[in-house]
Amino acid sequence: MKILTTRSQLRHTLETAHRVIFGSGAVIGHPVITALSPAAAPAGMSIIISGTGFTGVSAVTFGMAPASFTVIDDTTITAIVPSGTGAIGVEVTGVGGVSNSTTFNYVPGTGFLLGPDGNYLTDAAGNYILAP
């Protein structure tokens, strides 16, 4: 009996079992993160996750914290950075499994953004918070 010690070993074993059980030679690819932009930001900010296999994504996590996210297309996700500190891994869960973990660094500050009119500050949800 082999003990699976890494996520990739488990993924390979599950993909192989799926082919045997369902008789399909096709394996659905798991999502792959290639970049975070920015790779460091305060909680509440929106970041862009670039990669492949994002169609059908069901979760984005920063460490163990779930994030609000929007799948733009198969290669781009926008996510709101949840509360946290330090350096953590960002992962995407999709139809084919869990992505690689990519390092994100929290920085001090707040997630305030300039509003769409360029004059007002908004929080990450787009609510106005301060008039000029």
Protein backbone atom coordinates (compact mmCIF):
# COMPACT_ATOMS: atom_id res chain seq x y z
CA MET A 1 0.00 0.00 0.00
CA LYS A 2 1.45 3.34 -1.06
CA ILE A 3 0.86 6.41 1.08
CA LEU A 4 0.18 9.52 -1.00
CA THR A 5 2.22 12.39 0.37
CA THR A 6 1.75 15.19 -2.12
CA ARG A 7 -1.18 16.85 -3.81
CA SER A 8 0.17 15.93 -7.26
CA GLN A 9 0.41 12.23 -6.28
CA LEU A 10 -3.20 12.29 -5.10
CA ARG A 11 -4.33 14.12 -8.25
CA HIS A 12 -2.57 11.57 -10.49
CA THR A 13 -4.12 8.66 -8.57
CA LEU A 14 -7.62 10.14 -8.80
CA GLU A 15 -7.25 10.88 -12.53
CA THR A 16 -6.10 7.31 -13.16
CA ALA A 17 -9.01 5.90 -11.13
CA HIS A 18 -11.45 8.06 -13.12
CA ARG A 19 -10.13 6.62 -16.42
CA VAL A 20 -10.44 3.06 -15.10
CA ILE A 21 -13.92 3.49 -13.62
CA PHE A 22 -15.46 5.51 -16.43
CA GLY A 23 -13.43 4.11 -19.32
CA SER A 24 -12.36 7.54 -20.54
CA GLY A 25 -8.87 8.25 -21.71
CA ALA A 26 -9.53 11.97 -21.38
CA VAL A 27 -8.52 13.74 -18.19
CA ILE A 28 -9.90 17.17 -17.39
CA GLY A 29 -6.99 19.49 -16.79
CA HIS A 30 -6.67 21.17 -13.43
CA PRO A 31 -6.35 24.96 -13.25
CA VAL A 32 -2.83 26.40 -13.40
CA ILE A 33 -1.89 29.79 -11.93
CA THR A 34 0.92 31.54 -13.82
CA ALA A 35 0.83 34.99 -12.18
CA LEU A 36 -0.81 37.22 -9.58
CA SER A 37 -1.03 40.93 -10.30
CA PRO A 38 -0.16 42.48 -7.99
CA ALA A 39 1.51 39.70 -5.97
CA ALA A 40 1.37 41.87 -2.83
CA ALA A 41 -1.56 44.00 -1.66
CA PRO A 42 -3.70 44.84 1.36
CA ALA A 43 -6.92 43.05 2.21
CA GLY A 44 -9.88 44.39 0.24
CA MET A 45 -7.96 45.08 -2.97
CA SER A 46 -8.80 43.41 -6.25
CA ILE A 47 -6.07 41.35 -7.91
CA ILE A 48 -5.84 39.56 -11.24
CA ILE A 49 -5.05 35.85 -11.31
CA SER A 50 -3.65 34.73 -14.66
CA GLY A 51 -3.30 31.14 -15.84
CA THR A 52 -5.21 28.41 -17.64
CA GLY A 53 -8.17 26.12 -17.00
CA PHE A 54 -10.28 28.70 -15.14
CA THR A 55 -13.60 27.85 -16.81
CA GLY A 56 -15.81 26.26 -14.16
CA VAL A 57 -13.75 27.46 -11.18
CA SER A 58 -15.70 27.02 -7.95
CA ALA A 59 -13.33 28.53 -5.37
CA VAL A 60 -10.34 30.83 -4.89
CA THR A 61 -8.50 30.68 -1.57
CA PHE A 62 -5.77 32.79 0.01
CA GLY A 63 -4.26 30.32 2.44
CA MET A 64 -7.37 28.90 4.07
CA ALA A 65 -9.46 32.05 3.52
CA PRO A 66 -12.05 31.97 0.72
CA ALA A 67 -12.10 34.96 -1.63
CA SER A 68 -14.85 36.62 -3.63
CA PHE A 69 -13.98 36.20 -7.29
CA THR A 70 -15.16 36.57 -10.87
CA VAL A 71 -14.03 34.33 -13.72
CA ILE A 72 -13.42 36.66 -16.67
CA ASP A 73 -12.45 33.88 -19.09
CA ASP A 74 -10.45 30.63 -19.15
CA THR A 75 -7.21 32.53 -18.43
CA THR A 76 -8.24 35.38 -16.10
CA ILE A 77 -9.89 35.68 -12.68
CA THR A 78 -10.33 38.82 -10.57
CA ALA A 79 -10.40 38.24 -6.82
CA ILE A 80 -10.86 40.41 -3.75
CA VAL A 81 -8.06 39.81 -1.23
CA PRO A 82 -9.59 38.49 2.02
CA SER A 83 -8.24 39.40 5.47
CA GLY A 84 -4.88 37.92 6.34
CA THR A 85 -1.22 38.58 7.07
CA GLY A 86 2.18 37.53 5.83
CA ALA A 87 3.02 35.36 2.85
CA ILE A 88 0.45 32.72 1.89
CA GLY A 89 -0.44 30.53 -1.07
CA VAL A 90 -3.25 31.35 -3.49
CA GLU A 91 -5.06 28.38 -5.05
CA VAL A 92 -7.92 27.97 -7.51
CA THR A 93 -10.30 24.99 -7.40
CA GLY A 94 -11.87 23.94 -10.68
CA VAL A 95 -13.53 21.03 -12.41
CA GLY A 96 -10.22 19.22 -12.87
CA GLY A 97 -8.96 19.75 -9.32
CA VAL A 98 -6.86 22.24 -7.39
CA SER A 99 -4.26 24.48 -9.00
CA ASN A 100 -0.68 24.95 -8.01
CA SER A 101 -0.12 27.29 -5.05
CA THR A 102 1.29 30.72 -5.92
CA THR A 103 2.74 33.02 -3.24
CA PHE A 104 0.88 36.20 -2.29
CA ASN A 105 2.11 38.73 0.29
CA TYR A 106 -0.19 40.84 2.44
CA VAL A 107 0.87 44.46 2.91
CA PRO A 108 -0.44 46.93 5.49
CA GLY A 109 -3.16 49.26 4.35
CA THR A 110 -6.76 49.27 3.24
CA GLY A 111 -8.43 48.27 0.03
CA PHE A 112 -9.69 51.71 -0.96
CA LEU A 113 -9.96 52.44 -4.66
CA LEU A 114 -10.67 55.54 -6.70
CA GLY A 115 -14.29 55.43 -7.84
CA PRO A 116 -15.36 55.12 -11.48
CA ASP A 117 -15.78 58.90 -11.70
CA GLY A 118 -12.17 59.39 -10.56
CA ASN A 119 -13.16 61.63 -7.63
CA TYR A 120 -14.52 59.42 -4.87
CA LEU A 121 -12.97 56.61 -2.90
CA THR A 122 -14.79 53.28 -2.88
CA ASP A 123 -14.30 50.08 -0.94
CA ALA A 124 -13.64 46.81 -2.76
CA ALA A 125 -17.39 46.30 -3.26
CA GLY A 126 -17.73 49.66 -5.03
CA ASN A 127 -19.49 51.50 -2.19
CA TYR A 128 -18.60 55.21 -1.91
CA ILE A 129 -16.80 55.94 1.34
CA LEU A 130 -15.39 59.48 1.10
CA ALA A 131 -16.34 62.60 -0.83
CA PRO A 132 -13.61 65.00 -2.02
